[in-house]
Structure formats: structure tokens, C-alpha cells
PDB file of N, CA and C in Angstrom:
ATOM      1  N   UNK A   1      16.568  15.419  35.781  1.00  0.00           N
ATOM      2  CA  UNK A   1      15.289  14.770  35.600  1.00  0.00           C
ATOM      3  C   UNK A   1      14.609  15.203  34.305  1.00  0.00           C
ATOM      4  N   UNK A   2      14.935  16.341  33.789  1.00  0.00           N
ATOM      5  CA  UNK A   2      14.305  16.811  32.570  1.00  0.00           C
ATOM      6  C   UNK A   2      14.556  15.877  31.404  1.00  0.00           C
ATOM      7  N   UNK A   3      15.750  15.324  31.363  1.00  0.00           N
ATOM      8  CA  UNK A   3      16.095  14.397  30.283  1.00  0.00           C
ATOM      9  C   UNK A   3      15.231  13.145  30.345  1.00  0.00           C
ATOM     10  N   UNK A   4      15.043  12.603  31.558  1.00  0.00           N
ATOM     11  CA  UNK A   4      14.223  11.394  31.715  1.00  0.00           C
ATOM     12  C   UNK A   4      12.760  11.667  31.378  1.00  0.00           C
ATOM     13  N   UNK A   5      12.261  12.816  31.812  1.00  0.00           N
ATOM     14  CA  UNK A   5      10.875  13.161  31.501  1.00  0.00           C
ATOM     15  C   UNK A   5      10.667  13.290  29.996  1.00  0.00           C
ATOM     16  N   UNK A   6      11.632  13.920  29.344  1.00  0.00           N
ATOM     17  CA  UNK A   6      11.548  14.080  27.890  1.00  0.00           C
ATOM     18  C   UNK A   6      11.613  12.716  27.197  1.00  0.00           C
ATOM     19  N   UNK A   7      12.462  11.846  27.686  1.00  0.00           N
ATOM     20  CA  UNK A   7      12.581  10.504  27.112  1.00  0.00           C
ATOM     21  C   UNK A   7      11.277   9.733  27.290  1.00  0.00           C
ATOM     22  N   UNK A   8      10.664   9.869  28.451  1.00  0.00           N
ATOM     23  CA  UNK A   8       9.377   9.203  28.701  1.00  0.00           C
ATOM     24  C   UNK A   8       8.307   9.732  27.754  1.00  0.00           C
ATOM     25  N   UNK A   9       8.271  11.021  27.566  1.00  0.00           N
ATOM     26  CA  UNK A   9       7.283  11.625  26.661  1.00  0.00           C
ATOM     27  C   UNK A   9       7.504  11.143  25.230  1.00  0.00           C
ATOM     28  N   UNK A  10       8.763  11.115  24.812  1.00  0.00           N
ATOM     29  CA  UNK A  10       9.071  10.643  23.460  1.00  0.00           C
ATOM     30  C   UNK A  10       8.693   9.176  23.279  1.00  0.00           C
ATOM     31  N   UNK A  11       8.959   8.376  24.296  1.00  0.00           N
ATOM     32  CA  UNK A  11       8.602   6.952  24.232  1.00  0.00           C
ATOM     33  C   UNK A  11       7.087   6.789  24.173  1.00  0.00           C
ATOM     34  N   UNK A  12       6.382   7.574  24.964  1.00  0.00           N
ATOM     35  CA  UNK A  12       4.916   7.495  24.966  1.00  0.00           C
ATOM     36  C   UNK A  12       4.360   7.939  23.608  1.00  0.00           C
ATOM     37  N   UNK A  13       4.937   8.988  23.058  1.00  0.00           N
ATOM     38  CA  UNK A  13       4.491   9.478  21.753  1.00  0.00           C
ATOM     39  C   UNK A  13       4.760   8.434  20.665  1.00  0.00           C
ATOM     40  N   UNK A  14       5.922   7.799  20.714  1.00  0.00           N
ATOM     41  CA  UNK A  14       6.263   6.767  19.734  1.00  0.00           C
ATOM     42  C   UNK A  14       5.325   5.576  19.866  1.00  0.00           C
ATOM     43  N   UNK A  15       5.009   5.198  21.092  1.00  0.00           N
ATOM     44  CA  UNK A  15       4.089   4.084  21.318  1.00  0.00           C
ATOM     45  C   UNK A  15       2.696   4.421  20.775  1.00  0.00           C
ATOM     46  N   UNK A  16       2.257   5.647  20.984  1.00  0.00           N
ATOM     47  CA  UNK A  16       0.938   6.070  20.482  1.00  0.00           C
ATOM     48  C   UNK A  16       0.913   6.058  18.955  1.00  0.00           C
ATOM     49  N   UNK A  17       1.991   6.530  18.345  1.00  0.00           N
ATOM     50  CA  UNK A  17       2.066   6.523  16.882  1.00  0.00           C
ATOM     51  C   UNK A  17       2.069   5.096  16.348  1.00  0.00           C
ATOM     52  N   UNK A  18       2.773   4.212  17.021  1.00  0.00           N
ATOM     53  CA  UNK A  18       2.792   2.806  16.608  1.00  0.00           C
ATOM     54  C   UNK A  18       1.404   2.195  16.737  1.00  0.00           C
ATOM     55  N   UNK A  19       0.735   2.531  17.837  1.00  0.00           N
ATOM     56  CA  UNK A  19      -0.631   2.026  18.045  1.00  0.00           C
ATOM     57  C   UNK A  19      -1.558   2.504  16.933  1.00  0.00           C
ATOM     58  N   UNK A  20      -1.464   3.763  16.586  1.00  0.00           N
ATOM     59  CA  UNK A  20      -2.304   4.329  15.521  1.00  0.00           C
ATOM     60  C   UNK A  20      -2.004   3.670  14.183  1.00  0.00           C
ATOM     61  N   UNK A  21      -0.729   3.415  13.917  1.00  0.00           N
ATOM     62  CA  UNK A  21      -0.349   2.776  12.658  1.00  0.00           C
ATOM     63  C   UNK A  21      -0.909   1.365  12.583  1.00  0.00           C
ATOM     64  N   UNK A  22      -0.833   0.638  13.677  1.00  0.00           N
ATOM     65  CA  UNK A  22      -1.377  -0.727  13.709  1.00  0.00           C
ATOM     66  C   UNK A  22      -2.893  -0.688  13.545  1.00  0.00           C
ATOM     67  N   UNK A  23      -3.540   0.226  14.238  1.00  0.00           N
ATOM     68  CA  UNK A  23      -5.000   0.341  14.141  1.00  0.00           C
ATOM     69  C   UNK A  23      -5.416   0.687  12.720  1.00  0.00           C
ATOM     70  N   UNK A  24      -4.683   1.583  12.062  1.00  0.00           N
ATOM     71  CA  UNK A  24      -4.989   1.929  10.675  1.00  0.00           C
ATOM     72  C   UNK A  24      -4.808   0.723   9.770  1.00  0.00           C
ATOM     73  N   UNK A  25      -3.755  -0.043  10.004  1.00  0.00           N
ATOM     74  CA  UNK A  25      -3.515  -1.242   9.207  1.00  0.00           C
ATOM     75  C   UNK A  25      -4.625  -2.252   9.373  1.00  0.00           C
ATOM     76  N   UNK A  26      -5.091  -2.424  10.591  1.00  0.00           N
ATOM     77  CA  UNK A  26      -6.190  -3.353  10.865  1.00  0.00           C
ATOM     78  C   UNK A  26      -7.463  -2.873  10.163  1.00  0.00           C
ATOM     79  N   UNK A  27      -7.742  -1.584  10.248  1.00  0.00           N
ATOM     80  CA  UNK A  27      -8.932  -1.031   9.587  1.00  0.00           C
ATOM     81  C   UNK A  27      -8.869  -1.235   8.077  1.00  0.00           C
ATOM     82  N   UNK A  28      -7.698  -1.003   7.494  1.00  0.00           N
ATOM     83  CA  UNK A  28      -7.541  -1.191   6.047  1.00  0.00           C
ATOM     84  C   UNK A  28      -7.746  -2.648   5.669  1.00  0.00           C
ATOM     85  N   UNK A  29      -7.226  -3.556   6.479  1.00  0.00           N
ATOM     86  CA  UNK A  29      -7.391  -4.979   6.205  1.00  0.00           C
ATOM     87  C   UNK A  29      -8.860  -5.374   6.291  1.00  0.00           C
ATOM     88  N   UNK A  30      -9.554  -4.883   7.301  1.00  0.00           N
ATOM     89  CA  UNK A  30     -10.985  -5.181   7.435  1.00  0.00           C
ATOM     90  C   UNK A  30     -11.772  -4.621   6.256  1.00  0.00           C
ATOM     91  N   UNK A  31     -11.429  -3.411   5.815  1.00  0.00           N
ATOM     92  CA  UNK A  31     -12.102  -2.816   4.663  1.00  0.00           C
ATOM     93  C   UNK A  31     -11.892  -3.663   3.414  1.00  0.00           C
ATOM     94  N   UNK A  32     -10.678  -4.158   3.229  1.00  0.00           N
ATOM     95  CA  UNK A  32     -10.371  -4.991   2.055  1.00  0.00           C
ATOM     96  C   UNK A  32     -11.149  -6.299   2.116  1.00  0.00           C
ATOM     97  N   UNK A  33     -11.244  -6.893   3.297  1.00  0.00           N
ATOM     98  CA  UNK A  33     -12.010  -8.126   3.460  1.00  0.00           C
ATOM     99  C   UNK A  33     -13.482  -7.872   3.127  1.00  0.00           C
ATOM    100  N   UNK A  34     -14.022  -6.765   3.622  1.00  0.00           N
ATOM    101  CA  UNK A  34     -15.420  -6.422   3.319  1.00  0.00           C
ATOM    102  C   UNK A  34     -15.618  -6.238   1.823  1.00  0.00           C
ATOM    103  N   UNK A  35     -14.662  -5.604   1.171  1.00  0.00           N
ATOM    104  CA  UNK A  35     -14.739  -5.383  -0.273  1.00  0.00           C
ATOM    105  C   UNK A  35     -14.732  -6.715  -1.021  1.00  0.00           C
ATOM    106  N   UNK A  36     -13.846  -7.607  -0.627  1.00  0.00           N
ATOM    107  CA  UNK A  36     -13.773  -8.914  -1.286  1.00  0.00           C
ATOM    108  C   UNK A  36     -15.039  -9.734  -1.051  1.00  0.00           C
ATOM    109  N   UNK A  37     -15.603  -9.647   0.153  1.00  0.00           N
ATOM    110  CA  UNK A  37     -16.855 -10.352   0.434  1.00  0.00           C
ATOM    111  C   UNK A  37     -17.977  -9.804  -0.434  1.00  0.00           C
ATOM    112  N   UNK A  38     -18.037  -8.492  -0.591  1.00  0.00           N
ATOM    113  CA  UNK A  38     -19.082  -7.877  -1.414  1.00  0.00           C
ATOM    114  C   UNK A  38     -18.938  -8.312  -2.867  1.00  0.00           C
ATOM    115  N   UNK A  39     -17.701  -8.335  -3.365  1.00  0.00           N
ATOM    116  CA  UNK A  39     -17.485  -8.786  -4.742  1.00  0.00           C
ATOM    117  C   UNK A  39     -17.895 -10.241  -4.910  1.00  0.00           C
ATOM    118  N   UNK A  40     -17.603 -11.074  -3.922  1.00  0.00           N
ATOM    119  CA  UNK A  40     -17.993 -12.481  -3.982  1.00  0.00           C
ATOM    120  C   UNK A  40     -19.514 -12.618  -3.975  1.00  0.00           C
ATOM    121  N   UNK A  41     -20.181 -11.802  -3.170  1.00  0.00           N
ATOM    122  CA  UNK A  41     -21.646 -11.837  -3.135  1.00  0.00           C
ATOM    123  C   UNK A  41     -22.233 -11.460  -4.490  1.00  0.00           C
ATOM    124  N   UNK A  42     -21.652 -10.458  -5.133  1.00  0.00           N
ATOM    125  CA  UNK A  42     -22.135 -10.033  -6.451  1.00  0.00           C
ATOM    126  C   UNK A  42     -21.930 -11.147  -7.474  1.00  0.00           C
ATOM    127  N   UNK A  43     -20.753 -11.754  -7.460  1.00  0.00           N
ATOM    128  CA  UNK A  43     -20.481 -12.836  -8.410  1.00  0.00           C
ATOM    129  C   UNK A  43     -21.419 -14.010  -8.181  1.00  0.00           C
ATOM    130  N   UNK A  44     -21.680 -14.334  -6.906  1.00  0.00           N
ATOM    131  CA  UNK A  44     -22.586 -15.436  -6.595  1.00  0.00           C
ATOM    132  C   UNK A  44     -24.001 -15.110  -7.081  1.00  0.00           C
ATOM    133  N   UNK A  45     -24.442 -13.886  -6.871  1.00  0.00           N
ATOM    134  CA  UNK A  45     -25.777 -13.485  -7.316  1.00  0.00           C
ATOM    135  C   UNK A  45     -25.877 -13.522  -8.838  1.00  0.00           C
ATOM    136  N   UNK A  46     -24.834 -13.073  -9.525  1.00  0.00           N
ATOM    137  CA  UNK A  46     -24.844 -13.116 -10.988  1.00  0.00           C
ATOM    138  C   UNK A  46     -24.870 -14.553 -11.485  1.00  0.00           C
ATOM    139  N   UNK A  47     -24.113 -15.427 -10.845  1.00  0.00           N
ATOM    140  CA  UNK A  47     -24.101 -16.837 -11.242  1.00  0.00           C
ATOM    141  C   UNK A  47     -25.469 -17.462 -11.010  1.00  0.00           C
ATOM    142  N   UNK A  48     -26.099 -17.127  -9.897  1.00  0.00           N
ATOM    143  CA  UNK A  48     -27.435 -17.654  -9.605  1.00  0.00           C
ATOM    144  C   UNK A  48     -28.442 -17.145 -10.635  1.00  0.00           C
ATOM    145  N   UNK A  49     -28.338 -15.873 -10.991  1.00  0.00           N
ATOM    146  CA  UNK A  49     -29.223 -15.301 -12.004  1.00  0.00           C
ATOM    147  C   UNK A  49     -29.056 -16.026 -13.327  1.00  0.00           C
ATOM    148  N   UNK A  50     -27.811 -16.245 -13.732  1.00  0.00           N
ATOM    149  CA  UNK A  50     -27.547 -16.930 -14.991  1.00  0.00           C
ATOM    150  C   UNK A  50     -28.062 -18.366 -14.964  1.00  0.00           C
ATOM    151  N   UNK A  51     -27.912 -19.035 -13.815  1.00  0.00           N
ATOM    152  CA  UNK A  51     -28.396 -20.409 -13.691  1.00  0.00           C
ATOM    153  C   UNK A  51     -29.914 -20.466 -13.792  1.00  0.00           C
ATOM    154  N   UNK A  52     -30.583 -19.533 -13.150  1.00  0.00           N
ATOM    155  CA  UNK A  52     -32.048 -19.495 -13.215  1.00  0.00           C
ATOM    156  C   UNK A  52     -32.507 -19.209 -14.639  1.00  0.00           C
ATOM    157  N   UNK A  53     -31.847 -18.290 -15.315  1.00  0.00           N
ATOM    158  CA  UNK A  53     -32.206 -17.971 -16.701  1.00  0.00           C
ATOM    159  C   UNK A  53     -32.006 -19.190 -17.589  1.00  0.00           C
ATOM    160  N   UNK A  54     -30.882 -19.885 -17.416  1.00  0.00           N
ATOM    161  CA  UNK A  54     -30.621 -21.081 -18.230  1.00  0.00           C
ATOM    162  C   UNK A  54     -31.666 -22.154 -17.952  1.00  0.00           C
ATOM    163  N   UNK A  55     -32.007 -22.343 -16.694  1.00  0.00           N
ATOM    164  CA  UNK A  55     -33.026 -23.342 -16.338  1.00  0.00           C
ATOM    165  C   UNK A  55     -34.372 -22.976 -16.951  1.00  0.00           C
ATOM    166  N   UNK A  56     -34.731 -21.701 -16.886  1.00  0.00           N
ATOM    167  CA  UNK A  56     -35.999 -21.267 -17.470  1.00  0.00           C
ATOM    168  C   UNK A  56     -36.002 -21.417 -18.985  1.00  0.00           C
ATOM    169  N   UNK A  57     -34.865 -21.154 -19.634  1.00  0.00           N
ATOM    170  CA  UNK A  57     -34.769 -21.339 -21.085  1.00  0.00           C
ATOM    171  C   UNK A  57     -34.973 -22.798 -21.462  1.00  0.00           C
ATOM    172  N   UNK A  58     -34.380 -23.697 -20.684  1.00  0.00           N
ATOM    173  CA  UNK A  58     -34.549 -25.129 -20.965  1.00  0.00           C
ATOM    174  C   UNK A  58     -36.000 -25.531 -20.762  1.00  0.00           C
ATOM    175  N   UNK A  59     -36.623 -25.053 -19.726  1.00  0.00           N
ATOM    176  CA  UNK A  59     -38.031 -25.371 -19.477  1.00  0.00           C
ATOM    177  C   UNK A  59     -38.900 -24.861 -20.621  1.00  0.00           C
ATOM    178  N   UNK A  60     -38.610 -23.648 -21.101  1.00  0.00           N
ATOM    179  CA  UNK A  60     -39.379 -23.095 -22.220  1.00  0.00           C
ATOM    180  C   UNK A  60     -39.213 -23.954 -23.468  1.00  0.00           C
ATOM    181  N   UNK A  61     -38.009 -24.419 -23.736  1.00  0.00           N
ATOM    182  CA  UNK A  61     -37.775 -25.277 -24.901  1.00  0.00           C
ATOM    183  C   UNK A  61     -38.527 -26.591 -24.759  1.00  0.00           C
ATOM    184  N   UNK A  62     -38.553 -27.148 -23.564  1.00  0.00           N
ATOM    185  CA  UNK A  62     -39.267 -28.404 -23.353  1.00  0.00           C
ATOM    186  C   UNK A  62     -40.768 -28.222 -23.528  1.00  0.00           C
ATOM    187  N   UNK A  63     -41.282 -27.096 -23.121  1.00  0.00           N
ATOM    188  CA  UNK A  63     -42.722 -26.826 -23.260  1.00  0.00           C
ATOM    189  C   UNK A  63     -43.099 -26.674 -24.719  1.00  0.00           C
ATOM    190  N   UNK A  64     -42.206 -26.090 -25.496  1.00  0.00           N
ATOM    191  CA  UNK A  64     -42.487 -25.861 -26.911  1.00  0.00           C
ATOM    192  C   UNK A  64     -42.473 -27.165 -27.708  1.00  0.00           C
ATOM    193  N   UNK A  65     -41.696 -28.139 -27.266  1.00  0.00           N
ATOM    194  CA  UNK A  65     -41.592 -29.418 -28.003  1.00  0.00           C
ATOM    195  C   UNK A  65     -42.590 -30.362 -27.507  1.00  0.00           C
TER     196      UNK A  65
END
């Protein structure tokens, strides 16, 4: 019976390690998605800032003429 008990323990340990590896992979993927979303938010904010500045510049030119 010692052999079977040892095999069960090894199988359980391998399953736990596999679970941890999958969980780590999922966490890394979620972190990468969050990073990409943050970068997209920054780019969108910069584009909006540039658009507002361009619109204000055009308005200023129209007021001057």
C-alpha cells in the first residue's frame, strides 16, 4: 500500500503544481490586458487633448479674423 499512497501523493502534488501554473498564467494574462487597457486610455486622452487644442486654435484664428 505504500507505493499506492506515494503515487496518490505525487499525483496530488502534480495536480496542485499544474493548478498553480494555470492560475499564474491567468493572472499574467489579466495583468497584460489591464496594461493594454491603460495604454489605450492614455492614447485616447492624448488624442482628445490634441483635438481640443486644435479646435481651440481654429476658434482663436476665426476670432482674430
